[in-house]
Each structure stands twice: as structure tokens, then as C-alpha cells.
Amino acid sequence: MKKLVTFVLTAICMTFMGAMTSNAADKTVIGDTNGDGSVNSSDASDILEYYANISIGKGAITDKAFTAAADINNDSRVDSSDASYVLEYYGYTSTIPENEEPVGIRDFLKIPEKNPDTPPVTTTAKSDSASTTTTALAGKPEINGSTTQTTSGSSETPITTTEMVNYVLAPEGLDPGKKGSIEYIVNTAELVPHDNIPLYNIKADNINGGKPYLSRTYYLTDDTKKILNDFAKEHFTDDMTNYDRLKYTWNWLHFNVDYASSWEAYSKISELSFSEASFVYKSGQCIQYNGAFAEMMAYMGYDVYMLEKWQHGLSGQHFMSEVNIGGIGYNTEVGERSYDAPPNYYWMWLFDSSRQEFFGVEEQKTVSVNANGEK
């Protein structure tokens, strides 16, 4: 994944490094990098500036309290993903009632603690939330009257929605393509309506000893579905199959979303849904580009999941999506335009089974270990 921020001037970086070390609290509170007793946007800024410094060879902060507080996702590194987690948590703490005690940042994000004897619980990417299925060319279902959907961040909190027509799916009767082709595979896939998109950490040096694990789950809100519906209503035509619609979306994201390379640009969209950042604000990074495409696939009913990985060895974090169709993983990549060199080359691929990096993880049961290390 490309760097989140444009690197700050050397003088500013040197000033920051000195101030950061002196301000870190002796007692580590995860997320509170400056020791002021709260986790907020200033802590995210601290983390991003730290990341910018080490990325240009300024060296790492040796203050253990700071690095312990800044490593939100517990991967023994301080980088842009930690800043994103801080902003997400800050959004949560800013909206809860004053009399409600907030949970800790790792509890909120469901990030497991490091424990080599207790592997995190993983689940399969396949959704278990739907009770009905449909084929890929099943038409445009209407949601008549009120229906129950889920809110962002929780699969248990019901809200009531108003009547809405789903413009995303292709109408019935369209030619699915030549049998055996990727178009045919996508167009005839079994679709299961669901609101959840799992994120699997597949980093070789992750806290699960390199084994993939479910690090978090994203949820489609009604606002996100409306954004996707509005996009479909404006751009999709009745002669487009589901494959055509996904290919159009994939290309549109590549050519219309600008890479948020600065902290100022990224801070404006970091707390938005992937679709709102990409389709409305037309700004994002790899997690927004690929996340918006995953949200479109999820809303259509595909068994899609996202991957958190290292790109270029262990130097650059990256997010992409894959989809399970008929028991095969198909990798997708929505690259941003700076990779278009020469202009006719795009760092992109669509439903490529040869590039799949993760599929079919089996559920692992947590093993209880006592203080003596006995199971």
C-alpha cells in the first residue's frame, strides 16, 4: 500500500521527534500516544508523523511508552493502519452518551492480544446471515415496505428502513456468456444477500504466526446501500450483466478516485464508508478503492472478503479483495492511477483465480491456557 501521507519537512519532523518522546505517558494506554488521557485525532497525527519519519530514514522513537501506545493492531509496527484505527475509535468515543463508559480501543476493534498459545478465532468468509439464495441474473428485487437491516459496526443492532428498489442487480434473461468463461462464472454465481465483509490478516509475520485470521468485519449500512443504488441507477443499463456492472465499477473507481496521499486529504475521508469516500468524495487509498468494490460485490450478494497483507516484502501495507465463487477464490485489484506507467498499463486485475492469496480458512477454536501455560 502506498504511504498515507506526504512526508513532512525535515525541520518539522525533528521537532516532532523530540516533543513526542517527552510527552509519552509512563502508563501505557493503547492509542493515547501523547499521554493526555484521551485517544483522538492528535494521536492519529502523531502516528502518521512517526510513520513519515521512519519512512525517510529519520529513525524510530525509542520511547517504549509511545510505541506501545501507537501499535494499535498489535503487529509490532507503527504505521498508517494504526492511525486509521485511532480515527475510527475516536469517532466511536465522540458519539457515545456521556454517562457511558467506552470500551478500550482493541476491544472496540476486536483486535486480539498477542499470545502464541491462544490463536485468534477465525471464521470462514462465507456469510451465514442469509436464508435465501438467488442466481446472478435474478432481476432487481424490490424491498417492499419496512425491512430490518444492520448498522455499521454491529450485526445485532436493527434499524428500520424505508422502501427501496435495488438497482444494482442485472435484469433476468441476459446472455451470461460462453460457458466456462469468467463472465459466465460471475454471471451464474449463487448470490446470497448479506451485509458483512470479513477482513483477513494474511501477513507472514502477523500475531497468529503467519496464519490468516479474521481481524475485523465491515458492515454495509443503509446509507452505503443508498450510495451503491444511486451509482447503479446513474451508470448501469438494462443490457449490462452482473459481470459488466462489476467491471464498469472496477474501471470507474480506477479512473475517477484520486489517491489521498496527504494527511489532510486522508483525514477527510478516513471515517467514511468505503463507498462514500470513493463514489461521493472520489478520494481514498487502497483500502477505499478495493473496499468500495467489495461493498458493491457484497450488496449484489457475492461471497466477498478483504485481505490485509504486505506489499513489496514487509515494507508496505496493502488491502485488496477476493471473492469465493463455487469454492474457488478470485482475486481483484483496483489500483490507483499513479501505477499507469506506461499509460496503457494498469496495476489492476479482475476475478483472477491465479492471483488468489487466501481462501477456505477453517474455523479455529480458541484454546484456553492457564497461568502455568497448561491447556
Protein backbone atom coordinates (compact mmCIF):
# COMPACT_ATOMS: atom_id res chain seq x y z
CA MET A 1 0.00 0.00 0.00
CA LYS A 2 1.35 3.43 -0.82
CA LYS A 3 2.25 5.76 2.01
CA LEU A 4 -0.66 7.50 3.68
CA VAL A 5 0.92 10.91 3.95
CA THR A 6 3.17 13.25 2.06
CA PHE A 7 6.29 13.43 4.13
CA VAL A 8 6.64 16.47 6.37
CA LEU A 9 9.58 18.87 6.20
CA THR A 10 12.74 17.77 7.94
CA ALA A 11 12.67 20.61 10.46
CA ILE A 12 9.11 19.77 11.48
CA CYS A 13 10.00 16.10 11.75
CA MET A 14 12.94 16.78 14.07
CA THR A 15 10.82 18.98 16.31
CA PHE A 16 8.13 16.32 16.46
CA MET A 17 10.59 13.57 17.40
CA GLY A 18 11.82 15.45 20.43
CA ALA A 19 8.37 16.51 21.59
CA MET A 20 6.90 13.05 21.16
CA THR A 21 9.42 11.36 23.40
CA SER A 22 8.94 13.82 26.23
CA ASN A 23 5.14 13.73 26.13
CA ALA A 24 4.51 9.97 26.14
CA ALA A 25 2.95 8.79 29.36
CA ASP A 26 4.67 6.32 31.67
CA LYS A 27 1.50 4.25 31.93
CA THR A 28 0.58 2.93 28.51
CA VAL A 29 -2.97 3.49 27.32
CA ILE A 30 -3.36 1.99 23.87
CA GLY A 31 -4.00 4.79 21.39
CA ASP A 32 -3.03 7.66 23.71
CA THR A 33 0.36 8.41 22.17
CA ASN A 34 0.86 11.83 23.76
CA GLY A 35 -0.26 10.87 27.26
CA ASP A 36 -3.01 13.47 27.57
CA GLY A 37 -5.57 10.96 28.83
CA SER A 38 -7.65 10.65 25.65
CA VAL A 39 -7.48 8.95 22.25
CA ASN A 40 -8.28 11.38 19.47
CA SER A 41 -7.15 12.84 16.15
CA SER A 42 -3.97 14.32 17.62
CA ASP A 43 -2.80 10.80 18.45
CA ALA A 44 -3.51 9.76 14.85
CA SER A 45 -1.42 12.73 13.68
CA ASP A 46 1.42 11.65 15.98
CA ILE A 47 1.38 8.16 14.50
CA LEU A 48 1.34 9.41 10.91
CA GLU A 49 4.23 11.79 11.56
CA TYR A 50 6.16 8.99 13.21
CA TYR A 51 5.50 6.79 10.18
CA ALA A 52 6.60 9.58 7.85
CA ASN A 53 9.86 9.99 9.78
CA ILE A 54 10.89 6.36 9.74
CA SER A 55 9.90 6.11 6.07
CA ILE A 56 12.50 8.73 5.15
CA GLY A 57 15.18 7.29 7.39
CA LYS A 58 14.82 9.56 10.41
CA GLY A 59 14.82 6.58 12.72
CA ALA A 60 12.29 5.23 15.18
CA ILE A 61 11.30 6.72 18.51
CA THR A 62 12.96 4.78 21.31
CA ASP A 63 10.33 5.72 23.90
CA LYS A 64 8.68 2.35 24.61
CA ALA A 65 5.57 4.01 26.03
CA PHE A 66 4.90 5.76 22.73
CA THR A 67 5.49 2.74 20.51
CA ALA A 68 3.42 0.52 22.81
CA ALA A 69 0.55 3.02 22.73
CA ALA A 70 0.81 3.55 18.96
CA ASP A 71 0.84 -0.12 17.87
CA ILE A 72 -2.94 -0.42 17.80
CA ASN A 73 -3.27 -3.60 15.74
CA ASN A 74 -0.56 -5.39 17.72
CA ASP A 75 1.66 -6.25 14.75
CA SER A 76 4.89 -4.87 16.32
CA ARG A 77 4.92 -1.96 13.86
CA VAL A 78 3.69 1.61 13.96
CA ASP A 79 2.30 2.66 10.60
CA SER A 80 -0.63 4.24 8.79
CA SER A 81 -3.08 1.47 9.66
CA ASP A 82 -2.67 2.29 13.35
CA ALA A 83 -3.61 5.92 12.65
CA SER A 84 -6.74 4.78 10.81
CA TYR A 85 -7.76 2.64 13.77
CA VAL A 86 -7.30 5.60 16.13
CA LEU A 87 -9.57 7.77 13.99
CA GLU A 88 -12.21 5.06 13.85
CA TYR A 89 -12.11 4.68 17.64
CA TYR A 90 -12.23 8.45 18.11
CA GLY A 91 -15.40 8.53 16.02
CA TYR A 92 -16.92 5.94 18.36
CA THR A 93 -15.94 7.72 21.60
CA SER A 94 -17.17 11.05 20.24
CA THR A 95 -20.70 9.78 19.73
CA ILE A 96 -21.45 7.63 22.79
CA PRO A 97 -23.54 9.13 25.64
CA GLU A 98 -21.62 10.99 28.34
CA ASN A 99 -22.68 8.52 31.02
CA GLU A 100 -21.50 5.51 29.02
CA GLU A 101 -18.03 4.15 29.68
CA PRO A 102 -16.23 3.48 26.39
CA VAL A 103 -14.55 0.13 25.82
CA GLY A 104 -10.83 0.07 25.09
CA ILE A 105 -9.67 0.59 21.55
CA ARG A 106 -8.62 -3.02 20.97
CA ASP A 107 -11.86 -4.31 22.45
CA PHE A 108 -13.80 -1.95 20.18
CA LEU A 109 -11.86 -3.04 17.10
CA LYS A 110 -11.81 -6.70 18.23
CA ILE A 111 -8.04 -6.90 17.93
CA PRO A 112 -6.67 -9.93 19.82
CA GLU A 113 -3.78 -9.62 22.24
CA LYS A 114 -0.52 -11.37 21.42
CA ASN A 115 -0.50 -14.88 22.78
CA PRO A 116 1.26 -17.62 20.81
CA ASP A 117 -0.55 -20.32 22.78
CA THR A 118 -4.01 -18.92 22.09
CA PRO A 119 -4.67 -18.47 18.35
CA PRO A 120 -7.38 -15.96 17.46
CA VAL A 121 -10.72 -17.36 16.41
CA THR A 122 -11.13 -17.36 12.64
CA THR A 123 -14.24 -17.95 10.61
CA THR A 124 -14.90 -18.70 7.00
CA ALA A 125 -15.58 -15.84 4.66
CA LYS A 126 -18.94 -17.25 3.73
CA SER A 127 -21.87 -15.37 5.22
CA ASP A 128 -24.30 -17.19 7.45
CA SER A 129 -26.71 -14.29 7.75
CA ALA A 130 -28.99 -15.08 4.79
CA SER A 131 -31.66 -17.71 4.49
CA THR A 132 -32.47 -17.28 0.80
CA THR A 133 -30.40 -17.51 -2.37
CA THR A 134 -30.76 -16.29 -5.92
CA THR A 135 -28.90 -16.63 -9.19
CA ALA A 136 -26.73 -13.86 -10.55
CA LEU A 137 -29.27 -12.78 -13.15
CA ALA A 138 -32.25 -12.85 -10.82
CA GLY A 139 -33.55 -9.38 -11.61
CA LYS A 140 -33.97 -6.27 -9.47
CA PRO A 141 -35.61 -7.27 -6.19
CA GLU A 142 -37.80 -4.69 -4.53
CA ILE A 143 -37.78 -4.20 -0.78
CA ASN A 144 -41.44 -3.57 -0.15
CA GLY A 145 -42.40 -1.60 2.94
CA SER A 146 -40.17 -1.62 6.01
CA THR A 147 -37.42 -4.15 6.49
CA THR A 148 -34.69 -4.78 9.03
CA GLN A 149 -31.04 -4.16 8.16
CA THR A 150 -27.91 -3.67 10.28
CA THR A 151 -25.95 -0.60 11.29
CA SER A 152 -22.22 -0.07 10.84
CA GLY A 153 -20.02 -1.83 13.38
CA SER A 154 -22.70 -4.12 14.76
CA SER A 155 -24.55 -7.06 13.30
CA GLU A 156 -27.00 -7.08 16.19
CA THR A 157 -28.41 -3.56 16.14
CA PRO A 158 -31.58 -3.46 14.00
CA ILE A 159 -32.92 -0.34 12.35
CA THR A 160 -36.00 0.17 10.18
CA THR A 161 -35.53 1.23 6.59
CA THR A 162 -37.97 2.67 4.11
CA GLU A 163 -39.00 1.18 0.79
CA MET A 164 -36.10 0.96 -1.66
CA VAL A 165 -35.58 -0.57 -5.09
CA ASN A 166 -32.29 -2.36 -5.67
CA TYR A 167 -30.90 -1.10 -8.97
CA VAL A 168 -27.62 -2.97 -8.60
CA LEU A 169 -28.52 -6.41 -9.95
CA ALA A 170 -28.92 -7.11 -13.67
CA PRO A 171 -32.39 -7.97 -15.01
CA GLU A 172 -33.28 -11.54 -15.90
CA GLY A 173 -32.75 -13.12 -19.30
CA LEU A 174 -29.37 -11.64 -20.28
CA ASP A 175 -26.78 -13.80 -22.02
CA PRO A 176 -24.35 -14.95 -19.27
CA GLY A 177 -21.56 -15.51 -21.78
CA LYS A 178 -19.64 -18.54 -23.01
CA LYS A 179 -19.78 -21.44 -20.57
CA GLY A 180 -16.53 -21.76 -18.63
CA SER A 181 -15.51 -18.12 -19.18
CA ILE A 182 -15.02 -15.81 -16.22
CA GLU A 183 -18.04 -13.82 -17.41
CA TYR A 184 -20.17 -16.97 -17.26
CA ILE A 185 -18.78 -17.91 -13.83
CA VAL A 186 -19.54 -14.48 -12.39
CA ASN A 187 -22.95 -14.19 -14.06
CA THR A 188 -24.16 -17.60 -12.87
CA ALA A 189 -22.72 -17.45 -9.35
CA GLU A 190 -25.04 -18.15 -6.44
CA LEU A 191 -25.80 -14.85 -4.71
CA VAL A 192 -26.65 -14.64 -1.03
CA PRO A 193 -27.84 -11.27 0.35
CA HIS A 194 -25.64 -10.22 3.29
CA ASP A 195 -24.30 -7.10 4.99
CA ASN A 196 -20.93 -8.26 6.29
CA ILE A 197 -17.46 -8.17 4.69
CA PRO A 198 -14.76 -10.04 6.66
CA LEU A 199 -11.20 -8.70 6.71
CA TYR A 200 -8.50 -11.37 6.99
CA ASN A 201 -4.93 -10.58 8.02
CA ILE A 202 -2.66 -12.74 5.85
CA LYS A 203 0.68 -11.10 6.74
CA ALA A 204 3.52 -13.59 7.11
CA ASP A 205 4.57 -12.01 10.42
CA ASN A 206 1.12 -11.45 11.94
CA ILE A 207 0.25 -12.21 15.56
CA ASN A 208 -1.13 -15.62 14.56
CA GLY A 209 2.29 -16.85 13.46
CA GLY A 210 1.64 -16.07 9.82
CA LYS A 211 -1.64 -17.99 9.65
CA PRO A 212 -4.58 -15.97 8.28
CA TYR A 213 -7.06 -14.79 10.86
CA LEU A 214 -10.23 -12.74 10.91
CA SER A 215 -9.07 -9.33 12.16
CA ARG A 216 -12.38 -7.47 11.84
CA THR A 217 -15.67 -7.29 9.93
CA TYR A 218 -17.10 -4.37 7.96
CA TYR A 219 -20.86 -3.90 7.63
CA LEU A 220 -23.00 -2.33 4.91
CA THR A 221 -25.21 0.39 6.32
CA ASP A 222 -28.40 1.64 4.72
CA ASP A 223 -26.56 4.85 3.76
CA THR A 224 -23.92 2.77 1.98
CA LYS A 225 -26.58 0.78 0.15
CA LYS A 226 -28.21 4.01 -0.99
CA ILE A 227 -24.88 5.25 -2.36
CA LEU A 228 -24.42 1.99 -4.26
CA ASN A 229 -28.01 2.12 -5.52
CA ASP A 230 -27.61 5.72 -6.67
CA PHE A 231 -24.40 4.82 -8.50
CA ALA A 232 -26.13 1.86 -10.19
CA LYS A 233 -29.14 3.93 -11.18
CA GLU A 234 -26.90 6.55 -12.79
CA HIS A 235 -24.39 4.28 -14.51
CA PHE A 236 -25.84 0.80 -15.10
CA THR A 237 -28.05 -0.01 -18.08
CA ASP A 238 -30.51 -2.86 -18.54
CA ASP A 239 -28.34 -4.62 -21.11
CA MET A 240 -25.43 -4.96 -18.64
CA THR A 241 -24.93 -8.34 -16.94
CA ASN A 242 -23.65 -8.55 -13.37
CA TYR A 243 -20.14 -9.11 -14.71
CA ASP A 244 -20.50 -5.99 -16.89
CA ARG A 245 -21.66 -3.98 -13.88
CA LEU A 246 -18.78 -5.09 -11.72
CA LYS A 247 -16.25 -4.47 -14.49
CA TYR A 248 -17.71 -0.99 -15.02
CA THR A 249 -17.47 -0.25 -11.27
CA TRP A 250 -13.89 -1.57 -11.15
CA ASN A 251 -12.84 0.70 -14.04
CA TRP A 252 -14.77 3.69 -12.70
CA LEU A 253 -13.00 3.52 -9.34
CA HIS A 254 -9.61 3.39 -11.04
CA PHE A 255 -10.18 6.40 -13.28
CA ASN A 256 -12.31 8.61 -11.03
CA VAL A 257 -10.95 8.27 -7.48
CA ASP A 258 -7.94 10.39 -6.56
CA TYR A 259 -5.29 8.97 -4.26
CA ALA A 260 -5.38 10.68 -0.83
CA SER A 261 -1.62 10.97 -0.41
CA SER A 262 -1.58 13.68 2.25
CA TRP A 263 -2.78 13.57 5.83
CA GLU A 264 -5.12 16.49 5.11
CA ALA A 265 -6.77 14.62 2.24
CA TYR A 266 -7.00 11.30 4.04
CA SER A 267 -8.36 12.76 7.27
CA LYS A 268 -11.43 13.99 5.36
CA ILE A 269 -12.48 10.51 4.28
CA SER A 270 -10.89 8.12 6.81
CA GLU A 271 -14.05 7.76 8.91
CA LEU A 272 -16.43 7.38 5.95
CA SER A 273 -17.60 4.14 4.47
CA PHE A 274 -15.52 2.92 1.56
CA SER A 275 -18.33 3.72 -0.86
CA GLU A 276 -18.94 7.21 0.46
CA ALA A 277 -15.24 8.05 0.24
CA SER A 278 -14.91 6.61 -3.26
CA PHE A 279 -18.23 7.27 -5.00
CA VAL A 280 -19.16 10.56 -3.30
CA TYR A 281 -15.88 12.25 -2.35
CA LYS A 282 -13.85 10.42 -5.04
CA SER A 283 -10.88 10.14 -2.71
CA GLY A 284 -9.14 7.27 -0.98
CA GLN A 285 -6.29 4.85 -0.68
CA CYS A 286 -6.07 1.13 -1.41
CA ILE A 287 -8.49 0.22 1.38
CA GLN A 288 -11.12 2.64 0.00
CA TYR A 289 -10.58 1.67 -3.66
CA ASN A 290 -10.82 -2.04 -3.02
CA GLY A 291 -13.26 -1.67 -0.13
CA ALA A 292 -15.79 0.17 -2.29
CA PHE A 293 -15.55 -2.56 -4.92
CA ALA A 294 -16.03 -5.17 -2.18
CA GLU A 295 -19.08 -3.31 -0.88
CA MET A 296 -20.61 -3.39 -4.36
CA MET A 297 -19.97 -7.14 -4.60
CA ALA A 298 -21.38 -7.75 -1.11
CA TYR A 299 -24.54 -5.78 -1.87
CA MET A 300 -25.01 -7.84 -5.02
CA GLY A 301 -24.71 -10.97 -2.90
CA TYR A 302 -21.24 -12.28 -3.75
CA ASP A 303 -19.24 -14.05 -1.03
CA VAL A 304 -16.55 -11.37 -0.86
CA TYR A 305 -13.87 -10.81 1.73
CA MET A 306 -10.96 -8.38 2.10
CA LEU A 307 -7.28 -9.08 2.73
CA GLU A 308 -4.70 -7.15 4.74
CA LYS A 309 -1.20 -8.02 3.53
CA TRP A 310 2.32 -6.80 2.96
CA GLN A 311 3.19 -5.42 -0.45
CA HIS A 312 6.86 -5.41 -1.54
CA GLY A 313 8.20 -7.59 1.24
CA LEU A 314 7.46 -6.18 4.69
CA SER A 315 7.63 -2.52 3.73
CA GLY A 316 4.16 -1.52 2.54
CA GLN A 317 0.76 -2.45 3.91
CA HIS A 318 -1.89 -3.18 1.32
CA PHE A 319 -5.59 -4.06 1.19
CA MET A 320 -7.37 -5.91 -1.60
CA SER A 321 -10.44 -8.07 -2.04
CA GLU A 322 -11.22 -11.60 -3.15
CA VAL A 323 -14.46 -13.40 -3.81
CA ASN A 324 -15.44 -17.04 -3.41
CA ILE A 325 -17.39 -18.37 -6.38
CA GLY A 326 -18.15 -22.05 -6.41
CA GLY A 327 -15.37 -22.88 -3.98
CA ILE A 328 -12.65 -21.00 -5.88
CA GLY A 329 -11.04 -17.75 -4.75
CA TYR A 330 -10.85 -14.98 -7.35
CA ASN A 331 -8.59 -12.04 -6.55
CA THR A 332 -9.43 -8.49 -7.61
CA GLU A 333 -7.30 -5.35 -7.51
CA VAL A 334 -8.35 -1.75 -8.10
CA GLY A 335 -5.01 0.03 -8.46
CA GLU A 336 -4.69 3.79 -8.39
CA ARG A 337 -3.62 5.79 -11.42
CA SER A 338 -0.01 6.55 -10.46
CA TYR A 339 0.78 2.95 -11.42
CA ASP A 340 -0.28 3.62 -15.02
CA ALA A 341 3.23 3.80 -16.43
CA PRO A 342 3.31 3.38 -19.35
CA PRO A 343 -0.20 4.81 -19.82
CA ASN A 344 -1.52 1.56 -21.30
CA TYR A 345 -0.53 -0.47 -18.21
CA TYR A 346 -2.89 -0.62 -15.25
CA TRP A 347 -1.99 -2.17 -11.91
CA MET A 348 -5.35 -3.93 -11.90
CA TRP A 349 -6.93 -7.34 -12.35
CA LEU A 350 -10.46 -8.66 -12.15
CA PHE A 351 -11.56 -12.12 -10.92
CA ASP A 352 -8.13 -13.70 -11.39
CA SER A 353 -8.00 -17.17 -9.79
CA SER A 354 -4.26 -17.48 -10.42
CA ARG A 355 -3.66 -14.47 -8.15
CA GLN A 356 -5.82 -15.61 -5.25
CA GLU A 357 -3.92 -15.41 -1.98
CA PHE A 358 -6.40 -16.73 0.55
CA PHE A 359 -9.43 -18.94 0.54
CA GLY A 360 -11.09 -21.60 2.64
CA VAL A 361 -9.69 -20.86 6.09
CA GLU A 362 -11.10 -23.33 8.60
CA GLU A 363 -12.58 -22.12 11.84
CA GLN A 364 -10.10 -22.42 14.70
CA LYS A 365 -11.27 -22.90 18.26
CA THR A 366 -9.60 -20.80 20.93
CA VAL A 367 -7.50 -22.92 23.31
CA SER A 368 -7.73 -21.90 26.96
CA VAL A 369 -4.34 -21.71 28.69
CA ASN A 370 -3.86 -21.16 32.42
CA ALA A 371 -1.17 -19.13 34.15
CA ASN A 372 1.25 -22.09 34.05
CA GLY A 373 0.84 -22.47 30.31
CA GLU A 374 -1.25 -25.62 30.64
CA LYS A 375 -4.15 -26.23 28.24
